[in-house]
Amino acid sequence: NSVFSVTYECDQEHGTDYHQRFRDYWSRIQLEDLVVDGAMTDPKGDRGKRPKDQTDPDLFLRVVERKPDGVVVRGAKFHQTGMLNSHEIIVMPTLNMRPGEEDWAICFAIPANTQGIRFIYGRQTSDTRKLEGLKLDVGNPTFGGQEVMTVFEDVFVPAERIFLNGEVN
């Protein structure tokens, strides 16, 4: 409930309708029994620098074009362990964005098979733990040990699927 109240207060402050958009979206997810993956971790580049200060601005997923009916995004998200079996992706900023970082302040949901999305499948960094003979921290020893880097190459996101678009603190 606290997340909903914060979203509602944000809508009042900024004149947006993100709260209702998300509620409508999530109702559809529940009714259709869809699997959703949360994508938050950006490649980041130099971790000592903010998104706007990176040599490559696409090291944090960002809006590259704003249109009346939506936005176009570019960048990547890392470490998605459930991505390959998900119907939908909810993309969130990896950190709290500040003034000057409006293009990186984006949260949206999109079908996983949207044009311009690519999945690069790989192993988890800790997937050899199951071979070490211990039973602690091995995840699913039979089916675990994979993750995906999700690349967004100029992906169009319709306005009704956007839950944050340039609002910063």
N, C-alpha and C. Protein backbone atom coordinates (compact mmCIF):
# COMPACT_ATOMS: atom_id res chain seq x y z
N ASN A 1 0.80 -1.21 0.00
CA ASN A 1 0.00 0.00 0.00
C ASN A 1 0.84 1.26 0.00
N SER A 2 2.03 1.23 0.63
CA SER A 2 2.86 2.43 0.67
C SER A 2 3.36 2.81 -0.72
N VAL A 3 3.68 1.81 -1.56
CA VAL A 3 4.11 2.10 -2.93
C VAL A 3 2.99 2.80 -3.69
N PHE A 4 1.74 2.30 -3.52
CA PHE A 4 0.62 2.92 -4.21
C PHE A 4 0.39 4.34 -3.73
N SER A 5 0.53 4.59 -2.44
CA SER A 5 0.30 5.95 -1.95
C SER A 5 1.38 6.90 -2.44
N VAL A 6 2.64 6.44 -2.52
CA VAL A 6 3.72 7.28 -3.04
C VAL A 6 3.47 7.59 -4.51
N THR A 7 3.07 6.58 -5.29
CA THR A 7 2.78 6.77 -6.71
C THR A 7 1.63 7.75 -6.88
N TYR A 8 0.59 7.60 -6.07
CA TYR A 8 -0.56 8.49 -6.16
C TYR A 8 -0.14 9.94 -5.85
N GLU A 9 0.68 10.12 -4.80
CA GLU A 9 1.15 11.46 -4.45
C GLU A 9 2.02 12.05 -5.56
N CYS A 10 2.83 11.21 -6.19
CA CYS A 10 3.66 11.65 -7.32
C CYS A 10 2.78 12.10 -8.47
N ASP A 11 1.72 11.34 -8.76
CA ASP A 11 0.78 11.73 -9.81
C ASP A 11 0.17 13.09 -9.53
N GLN A 12 -0.22 13.32 -8.29
CA GLN A 12 -0.82 14.60 -7.93
C GLN A 12 0.19 15.74 -8.12
N GLU A 13 1.43 15.50 -7.72
CA GLU A 13 2.48 16.52 -7.81
C GLU A 13 2.83 16.85 -9.26
N HIS A 14 2.87 15.84 -10.12
CA HIS A 14 3.33 16.04 -11.50
C HIS A 14 2.22 16.06 -12.54
N GLY A 15 0.98 15.86 -12.12
CA GLY A 15 -0.13 15.86 -13.06
C GLY A 15 -0.12 14.66 -14.00
N THR A 16 0.34 13.53 -13.50
CA THR A 16 0.42 12.30 -14.30
C THR A 16 -0.64 11.31 -13.85
N ASP A 17 -0.78 10.23 -14.60
CA ASP A 17 -1.73 9.19 -14.23
C ASP A 17 -1.04 7.82 -14.16
N TYR A 18 0.22 7.79 -13.76
CA TYR A 18 1.00 6.55 -13.69
C TYR A 18 0.39 5.51 -12.77
N HIS A 19 -0.14 5.97 -11.65
CA HIS A 19 -0.72 5.04 -10.67
C HIS A 19 -1.85 4.22 -11.30
N GLN A 20 -2.77 4.89 -11.97
CA GLN A 20 -3.88 4.19 -12.60
C GLN A 20 -3.41 3.34 -13.77
N ARG A 21 -2.43 3.83 -14.53
CA ARG A 21 -1.87 3.03 -15.62
C ARG A 21 -1.31 1.72 -15.10
N PHE A 22 -0.55 1.81 -13.99
CA PHE A 22 0.05 0.60 -13.44
C PHE A 22 -1.02 -0.34 -12.91
N ARG A 23 -2.01 0.21 -12.23
CA ARG A 23 -3.10 -0.64 -11.72
C ARG A 23 -3.81 -1.36 -12.85
N ASP A 24 -4.08 -0.66 -13.94
CA ASP A 24 -4.72 -1.28 -15.11
C ASP A 24 -3.82 -2.35 -15.71
N TYR A 25 -2.54 -2.03 -15.83
CA TYR A 25 -1.58 -2.99 -16.37
C TYR A 25 -1.53 -4.25 -15.50
N TRP A 26 -1.40 -4.05 -14.20
CA TRP A 26 -1.25 -5.21 -13.31
C TRP A 26 -2.52 -6.05 -13.25
N SER A 27 -3.66 -5.43 -13.36
CA SER A 27 -4.92 -6.19 -13.43
C SER A 27 -4.91 -7.11 -14.65
N ARG A 28 -4.45 -6.60 -15.78
CA ARG A 28 -4.36 -7.42 -17.00
C ARG A 28 -3.38 -8.57 -16.81
N ILE A 29 -2.25 -8.30 -16.17
CA ILE A 29 -1.25 -9.35 -15.92
C ILE A 29 -1.88 -10.47 -15.09
N GLN A 30 -2.61 -10.11 -14.06
CA GLN A 30 -3.25 -11.11 -13.20
C GLN A 30 -4.34 -11.87 -13.94
N LEU A 31 -5.18 -11.16 -14.68
CA LEU A 31 -6.27 -11.82 -15.41
C LEU A 31 -5.75 -12.79 -16.47
N GLU A 32 -4.67 -12.42 -17.14
CA GLU A 32 -4.12 -13.27 -18.20
C GLU A 32 -3.07 -14.25 -17.68
N ASP A 33 -2.76 -14.18 -16.37
CA ASP A 33 -1.81 -15.10 -15.74
C ASP A 33 -0.46 -15.07 -16.44
N LEU A 34 0.09 -13.86 -16.63
CA LEU A 34 1.35 -13.69 -17.34
C LEU A 34 2.53 -13.69 -16.37
N VAL A 35 3.70 -14.07 -16.88
CA VAL A 35 4.94 -14.04 -16.11
C VAL A 35 5.65 -12.73 -16.46
N VAL A 36 6.09 -12.00 -15.43
CA VAL A 36 6.72 -10.69 -15.61
C VAL A 36 8.11 -10.72 -14.98
N ASP A 37 9.10 -10.22 -15.73
CA ASP A 37 10.46 -10.11 -15.22
C ASP A 37 10.75 -8.65 -14.94
N GLY A 38 11.35 -8.37 -13.78
CA GLY A 38 11.76 -7.01 -13.44
C GLY A 38 13.19 -6.78 -13.87
N ALA A 39 13.41 -5.73 -14.66
CA ALA A 39 14.73 -5.41 -15.18
C ALA A 39 15.21 -4.09 -14.58
N MET A 40 16.19 -4.17 -13.69
CA MET A 40 16.64 -2.97 -13.00
C MET A 40 18.13 -2.68 -13.17
N THR A 41 18.96 -3.70 -13.26
CA THR A 41 20.41 -3.50 -13.22
C THR A 41 20.96 -3.09 -14.59
N ASP A 42 21.54 -1.91 -14.67
CA ASP A 42 22.16 -1.41 -15.90
C ASP A 42 23.63 -1.83 -15.94
N PRO A 43 24.25 -1.83 -17.14
CA PRO A 43 25.68 -2.13 -17.22
C PRO A 43 26.53 -1.14 -16.40
N LYS A 44 26.17 0.12 -16.39
CA LYS A 44 26.73 1.19 -15.56
C LYS A 44 28.06 1.77 -16.04
N GLY A 45 28.94 1.02 -16.66
CA GLY A 45 30.22 1.61 -17.07
C GLY A 45 31.05 1.97 -15.86
N ASP A 46 31.42 3.24 -15.73
CA ASP A 46 32.19 3.72 -14.58
C ASP A 46 31.22 3.92 -13.42
N ARG A 47 31.30 3.04 -12.44
CA ARG A 47 30.36 3.10 -11.32
C ARG A 47 30.53 4.32 -10.42
N GLY A 48 31.60 5.05 -10.61
CA GLY A 48 31.82 6.29 -9.86
C GLY A 48 31.14 7.49 -10.50
N LYS A 49 30.53 7.28 -11.68
CA LYS A 49 29.89 8.38 -12.40
C LYS A 49 28.39 8.18 -12.49
N ARG A 50 27.67 9.27 -12.52
CA ARG A 50 26.23 9.27 -12.70
C ARG A 50 25.91 8.96 -14.17
N PRO A 51 24.66 8.59 -14.49
CA PRO A 51 24.30 8.27 -15.88
C PRO A 51 24.68 9.36 -16.88
N LYS A 52 24.41 10.61 -16.55
CA LYS A 52 24.69 11.71 -17.49
C LYS A 52 26.18 11.96 -17.67
N ASP A 53 27.02 11.42 -16.79
CA ASP A 53 28.46 11.65 -16.85
C ASP A 53 29.23 10.51 -17.50
N GLN A 54 28.55 9.46 -17.93
CA GLN A 54 29.21 8.32 -18.57
C GLN A 54 29.74 8.71 -19.96
N THR A 55 30.83 8.10 -20.37
CA THR A 55 31.35 8.29 -21.72
C THR A 55 30.34 7.82 -22.75
N ASP A 56 29.70 6.68 -22.49
CA ASP A 56 28.65 6.13 -23.36
C ASP A 56 27.32 6.31 -22.64
N PRO A 57 26.43 7.17 -23.12
CA PRO A 57 25.16 7.42 -22.42
C PRO A 57 24.23 6.21 -22.36
N ASP A 58 24.50 5.20 -23.20
CA ASP A 58 23.63 4.01 -23.23
C ASP A 58 24.04 2.96 -22.21
N LEU A 59 24.99 3.25 -21.33
CA LEU A 59 25.36 2.31 -20.28
C LEU A 59 24.31 2.26 -19.17
N PHE A 60 23.41 3.21 -19.20
CA PHE A 60 22.17 3.18 -18.40
C PHE A 60 21.04 3.30 -19.42
N LEU A 61 20.03 2.44 -19.32
CA LEU A 61 18.92 2.50 -20.27
C LEU A 61 18.30 3.89 -20.22
N ARG A 62 18.01 4.43 -21.40
CA ARG A 62 17.52 5.81 -21.45
C ARG A 62 16.54 6.02 -22.58
N VAL A 63 15.82 7.13 -22.49
CA VAL A 63 14.93 7.58 -23.55
C VAL A 63 15.79 8.33 -24.57
N VAL A 64 15.67 7.92 -25.84
CA VAL A 64 16.40 8.62 -26.91
C VAL A 64 15.48 9.48 -27.76
N GLU A 65 14.15 9.25 -27.62
CA GLU A 65 13.19 10.07 -28.34
C GLU A 65 11.85 10.03 -27.62
N ARG A 66 11.26 11.21 -27.44
CA ARG A 66 9.92 11.31 -26.87
C ARG A 66 8.95 11.68 -27.98
N LYS A 67 7.86 10.92 -28.07
CA LYS A 67 6.83 11.14 -29.09
C LYS A 67 5.50 11.36 -28.38
N PRO A 68 4.51 11.91 -29.07
CA PRO A 68 3.20 12.11 -28.44
C PRO A 68 2.56 10.81 -27.94
N ASP A 69 2.84 9.69 -28.62
CA ASP A 69 2.20 8.42 -28.26
C ASP A 69 3.13 7.45 -27.51
N GLY A 70 4.32 7.92 -27.10
CA GLY A 70 5.23 7.06 -26.36
C GLY A 70 6.67 7.53 -26.43
N VAL A 71 7.59 6.63 -26.13
CA VAL A 71 9.02 6.95 -26.14
C VAL A 71 9.78 5.84 -26.86
N VAL A 72 11.00 6.17 -27.27
CA VAL A 72 11.94 5.19 -27.83
C VAL A 72 13.09 5.10 -26.83
N VAL A 73 13.44 3.86 -26.44
CA VAL A 73 14.50 3.65 -25.45
C VAL A 73 15.65 2.85 -26.05
N ARG A 74 16.83 3.04 -25.43
CA ARG A 74 18.03 2.33 -25.85
C ARG A 74 18.86 2.04 -24.60
N GLY A 75 19.54 0.90 -24.61
CA GLY A 75 20.40 0.52 -23.49
C GLY A 75 20.30 -0.96 -23.22
N ALA A 76 20.62 -1.36 -22.00
CA ALA A 76 20.59 -2.78 -21.64
C ALA A 76 20.28 -2.94 -20.17
N LYS A 77 19.85 -4.13 -19.81
CA LYS A 77 19.66 -4.53 -18.42
C LYS A 77 20.33 -5.88 -18.24
N PHE A 78 20.99 -6.06 -17.09
CA PHE A 78 21.76 -7.27 -16.80
C PHE A 78 21.07 -8.18 -15.79
N HIS A 79 21.54 -9.40 -15.73
CA HIS A 79 21.25 -10.38 -14.67
C HIS A 79 19.77 -10.74 -14.55
N GLN A 80 19.09 -10.94 -15.67
CA GLN A 80 17.69 -11.33 -15.65
C GLN A 80 17.61 -12.86 -15.68
N THR A 81 17.42 -13.46 -14.50
CA THR A 81 17.41 -14.92 -14.41
C THR A 81 16.11 -15.53 -14.93
N GLY A 82 15.02 -14.79 -14.94
CA GLY A 82 13.75 -15.34 -15.40
C GLY A 82 13.30 -14.79 -16.73
N MET A 83 14.15 -14.05 -17.40
CA MET A 83 13.73 -13.34 -18.61
C MET A 83 13.27 -14.27 -19.73
N LEU A 84 13.97 -15.36 -19.97
CA LEU A 84 13.64 -16.20 -21.11
C LEU A 84 12.30 -16.91 -21.00
N ASN A 85 11.74 -16.97 -19.78
CA ASN A 85 10.43 -17.61 -19.64
C ASN A 85 9.37 -16.60 -19.22
N SER A 86 9.59 -15.32 -19.53
CA SER A 86 8.65 -14.27 -19.15
C SER A 86 7.90 -13.75 -20.38
N HIS A 87 6.66 -13.37 -20.15
CA HIS A 87 5.84 -12.76 -21.19
C HIS A 87 6.11 -11.26 -21.30
N GLU A 88 6.38 -10.64 -20.15
CA GLU A 88 6.51 -9.19 -20.06
C GLU A 88 7.76 -8.80 -19.31
N ILE A 89 8.22 -7.58 -19.54
CA ILE A 89 9.37 -7.00 -18.84
C ILE A 89 8.91 -5.69 -18.22
N ILE A 90 9.19 -5.50 -16.94
CA ILE A 90 9.02 -4.18 -16.32
C ILE A 90 10.43 -3.61 -16.13
N VAL A 91 10.70 -2.51 -16.79
CA VAL A 91 11.99 -1.84 -16.73
C VAL A 91 11.90 -0.71 -15.73
N MET A 92 12.89 -0.66 -14.83
CA MET A 92 12.94 0.37 -13.79
C MET A 92 14.33 1.00 -13.77
N PRO A 93 14.44 2.25 -13.33
CA PRO A 93 15.77 2.84 -13.18
C PRO A 93 16.55 2.10 -12.09
N THR A 94 17.85 2.02 -12.28
CA THR A 94 18.70 1.31 -11.33
C THR A 94 18.99 2.13 -10.08
N LEU A 95 18.74 3.43 -10.16
CA LEU A 95 18.94 4.31 -9.00
C LEU A 95 18.03 5.52 -9.11
N ASN A 96 17.99 6.31 -8.07
CA ASN A 96 17.16 7.51 -8.03
C ASN A 96 17.80 8.58 -8.89
N MET A 97 17.11 9.01 -9.94
CA MET A 97 17.67 9.98 -10.86
C MET A 97 17.50 11.40 -10.35
N ARG A 98 18.43 12.25 -10.77
CA ARG A 98 18.50 13.64 -10.32
C ARG A 98 18.25 14.59 -11.49
N PRO A 99 18.06 15.87 -11.19
CA PRO A 99 17.92 16.84 -12.29
C PRO A 99 19.09 16.72 -13.27
N GLY A 100 18.77 16.78 -14.56
CA GLY A 100 19.76 16.57 -15.61
C GLY A 100 19.80 15.12 -16.09
N GLU A 101 19.10 14.24 -15.39
CA GLU A 101 19.07 12.82 -15.74
C GLU A 101 17.66 12.36 -16.14
N GLU A 102 16.87 13.29 -16.65
CA GLU A 102 15.48 12.99 -17.01
C GLU A 102 15.37 11.86 -18.04
N ASP A 103 16.31 11.78 -18.96
CA ASP A 103 16.24 10.73 -19.99
C ASP A 103 16.44 9.33 -19.41
N TRP A 104 17.08 9.22 -18.27
CA TRP A 104 17.31 7.93 -17.64
C TRP A 104 16.24 7.59 -16.59
N ALA A 105 15.37 8.55 -16.30
CA ALA A 105 14.28 8.35 -15.33
C ALA A 105 13.08 7.80 -16.08
N ILE A 106 13.11 6.50 -16.35
CA ILE A 106 12.05 5.87 -17.14
C ILE A 106 11.68 4.52 -16.51
N CYS A 107 10.39 4.28 -16.39
CA CYS A 107 9.87 3.00 -15.91
C CYS A 107 8.72 2.63 -16.83
N PHE A 108 8.74 1.39 -17.34
CA PHE A 108 7.71 0.97 -18.27
C PHE A 108 7.60 -0.55 -18.28
N ALA A 109 6.54 -1.03 -18.91
CA ALA A 109 6.34 -2.46 -19.13
C ALA A 109 6.18 -2.68 -20.63
N ILE A 110 6.73 -3.80 -21.09
CA ILE A 110 6.70 -4.10 -22.52
C ILE A 110 6.68 -5.61 -22.72
N PRO A 111 6.00 -6.11 -23.75
CA PRO A 111 6.08 -7.54 -24.02
C PRO A 111 7.52 -7.96 -24.32
N ALA A 112 7.92 -9.13 -23.88
CA ALA A 112 9.29 -9.60 -24.05
C ALA A 112 9.65 -9.82 -25.52
N ASN A 113 8.65 -9.97 -26.38
CA ASN A 113 8.94 -10.20 -27.80
C ASN A 113 8.81 -8.94 -28.64
N THR A 114 8.92 -7.78 -28.02
CA THR A 114 8.82 -6.51 -28.74
C THR A 114 10.00 -6.34 -29.69
N GLN A 115 9.72 -5.80 -30.87
CA GLN A 115 10.77 -5.56 -31.86
C GLN A 115 11.86 -4.66 -31.27
N GLY A 116 13.12 -5.04 -31.48
CA GLY A 116 14.25 -4.27 -31.00
C GLY A 116 14.83 -4.78 -29.69
N ILE A 117 14.19 -5.78 -29.07
CA ILE A 117 14.73 -6.38 -27.85
C ILE A 117 15.51 -7.63 -28.23
N ARG A 118 16.72 -7.74 -27.70
CA ARG A 118 17.56 -8.92 -27.94
C ARG A 118 17.98 -9.49 -26.59
N PHE A 119 18.04 -10.81 -26.54
CA PHE A 119 18.46 -11.50 -25.32
C PHE A 119 19.80 -12.18 -25.58
N ILE A 120 20.75 -11.93 -24.70
CA ILE A 120 22.04 -12.60 -24.77
C ILE A 120 22.11 -13.52 -23.56
N TYR A 121 22.07 -14.81 -23.84
CA TYR A 121 21.97 -15.85 -22.81
C TYR A 121 23.37 -16.23 -22.33
N GLY A 122 23.51 -16.38 -21.02
CA GLY A 122 24.79 -16.78 -20.47
C GLY A 122 24.65 -17.48 -19.14
N ARG A 123 25.78 -17.85 -18.58
CA ARG A 123 25.81 -18.51 -17.29
C ARG A 123 25.87 -17.48 -16.18
N GLN A 124 25.42 -17.88 -15.00
CA GLN A 124 25.55 -17.03 -13.83
C GLN A 124 26.99 -17.09 -13.33
N THR A 125 27.43 -16.02 -12.71
CA THR A 125 28.81 -15.98 -12.22
C THR A 125 29.06 -17.01 -11.14
N SER A 126 28.01 -17.41 -10.43
CA SER A 126 28.19 -18.37 -9.32
C SER A 126 27.67 -19.76 -9.67
N ASP A 127 27.48 -20.07 -10.94
CA ASP A 127 26.83 -21.35 -11.27
C ASP A 127 27.71 -22.57 -11.02
N THR A 128 29.00 -22.41 -10.75
CA THR A 128 29.84 -23.58 -10.45
C THR A 128 29.73 -24.01 -8.99
N ARG A 129 29.03 -23.26 -8.16
CA ARG A 129 28.88 -23.62 -6.74
C ARG A 129 28.28 -25.00 -6.56
N LYS A 130 27.38 -25.40 -7.45
CA LYS A 130 26.74 -26.71 -7.34
C LYS A 130 27.75 -27.84 -7.55
N LEU A 131 28.90 -27.56 -8.14
CA LEU A 131 29.94 -28.56 -8.38
C LEU A 131 30.90 -28.69 -7.21
N GLU A 132 30.79 -27.78 -6.22
CA GLU A 132 31.73 -27.75 -5.12
C GLU A 132 31.35 -28.68 -3.97
N GLY A 133 30.24 -29.39 -4.10
CA GLY A 133 29.85 -30.37 -3.09
C GLY A 133 29.12 -29.82 -1.88
N LEU A 134 28.86 -28.54 -1.84
CA LEU A 134 28.15 -27.93 -0.72
C LEU A 134 26.66 -27.84 -1.05
N LYS A 135 25.83 -27.76 -0.03
CA LYS A 135 24.39 -27.62 -0.26
C LYS A 135 23.92 -26.19 -0.01
N LEU A 136 24.83 -25.33 0.40
CA LEU A 136 24.50 -23.95 0.73
C LEU A 136 24.69 -23.05 -0.49
N ASP A 137 23.72 -22.20 -0.75
CA ASP A 137 23.81 -21.17 -1.77
C ASP A 137 24.10 -21.72 -3.17
N VAL A 138 23.41 -22.78 -3.55
CA VAL A 138 23.61 -23.33 -4.89
C VAL A 138 22.42 -23.04 -5.81
N GLY A 139 21.40 -22.38 -5.30
CA GLY A 139 20.23 -22.12 -6.13
C GLY A 139 19.55 -23.42 -6.50
N ASN A 140 19.05 -23.50 -7.70
CA ASN A 140 18.44 -24.73 -8.19
C ASN A 140 19.54 -25.55 -8.87
N PRO A 141 20.05 -26.60 -8.21
CA PRO A 141 21.21 -27.32 -8.76
C PRO A 141 20.92 -28.08 -10.04
N THR A 142 19.66 -28.32 -10.37
CA THR A 142 19.34 -29.06 -11.59
C THR A 142 19.06 -28.13 -12.77
N PHE A 143 18.28 -27.07 -12.54
CA PHE A 143 17.86 -26.22 -13.64
C PHE A 143 18.37 -24.79 -13.56
N GLY A 144 19.08 -24.42 -12.51
CA GLY A 144 19.55 -23.05 -12.35
C GLY A 144 20.83 -22.79 -13.13
N GLY A 145 21.38 -21.61 -12.94
CA GLY A 145 22.67 -21.28 -13.52
C GLY A 145 22.62 -20.59 -14.86
N GLN A 146 21.60 -19.79 -15.10
CA GLN A 146 21.54 -19.04 -16.34
C GLN A 146 21.00 -17.66 -16.09
N GLU A 147 21.41 -16.75 -16.92
CA GLU A 147 20.83 -15.42 -16.88
C GLU A 147 20.97 -14.77 -18.24
N VAL A 148 20.28 -13.66 -18.39
CA VAL A 148 20.20 -13.00 -19.69
C VAL A 148 20.59 -11.54 -19.55
N MET A 149 21.31 -11.04 -20.54
CA MET A 149 21.47 -9.61 -20.73
C MET A 149 20.41 -9.22 -21.77
N THR A 150 19.59 -8.25 -21.44
CA THR A 150 18.53 -7.80 -22.34
C THR A 150 18.95 -6.47 -22.95
N VAL A 151 19.03 -6.45 -24.27
CA VAL A 151 19.47 -5.26 -24.99
C VAL A 151 18.25 -4.62 -25.67
N PHE A 152 18.11 -3.33 -25.49
CA PHE A 152 17.02 -2.55 -26.08
C PHE A 152 17.62 -1.67 -27.17
N GLU A 153 17.31 -1.99 -28.43
CA GLU A 153 17.85 -1.24 -29.56
C GLU A 153 16.75 -0.39 -30.19
N ASP A 154 16.61 0.83 -29.70
CA ASP A 154 15.60 1.75 -30.20
C ASP A 154 14.20 1.13 -30.17
N VAL A 155 13.79 0.74 -28.97
CA VAL A 155 12.50 0.08 -28.73
C VAL A 155 11.43 1.14 -28.45
N PHE A 156 10.32 1.06 -29.18
CA PHE A 156 9.20 1.96 -28.94
C PHE A 156 8.35 1.43 -27.79
N VAL A 157 8.04 2.33 -26.83
CA VAL A 157 7.19 2.00 -25.68
C VAL A 157 5.95 2.89 -25.74
N PRO A 158 4.76 2.30 -25.91
CA PRO A 158 3.54 3.10 -25.96
C PRO A 158 3.28 3.83 -24.64
N ALA A 159 2.70 5.01 -24.71
CA ALA A 159 2.46 5.85 -23.54
C ALA A 159 1.70 5.14 -22.43
N GLU A 160 0.72 4.29 -22.78
CA GLU A 160 -0.08 3.63 -21.75
C GLU A 160 0.72 2.60 -20.95
N ARG A 161 1.94 2.29 -21.39
CA ARG A 161 2.78 1.32 -20.68
C ARG A 161 3.91 2.02 -19.90
N ILE A 162 3.88 3.33 -19.83
CA ILE A 162 4.92 4.10 -19.13
C ILE A 162 4.41 4.48 -17.75
N PHE A 163 5.27 4.24 -16.72
CA PHE A 163 4.89 4.52 -15.33
C PHE A 163 5.79 5.58 -14.68
N LEU A 164 6.79 6.05 -15.39
CA LEU A 164 7.67 7.16 -14.97
C LEU A 164 8.33 7.63 -16.26
N ASN A 165 8.36 8.93 -16.47
CA ASN A 165 8.92 9.43 -17.73
C ASN A 165 9.53 10.81 -17.53
N GLY A 166 10.73 10.80 -16.95
CA GLY A 166 11.48 12.04 -16.82
C GLY A 166 11.32 12.77 -15.49
N GLU A 167 10.48 12.28 -14.61
CA GLU A 167 10.32 12.92 -13.31
C GLU A 167 11.50 12.54 -12.41
N VAL A 168 12.19 13.52 -11.88
CA VAL A 168 13.37 13.29 -11.05
C VAL A 168 13.22 14.02 -9.71
N ASN A 169 14.07 13.65 -8.77
CA ASN A 169 14.06 14.31 -7.45
C ASN A 169 15.14 15.35 -7.38
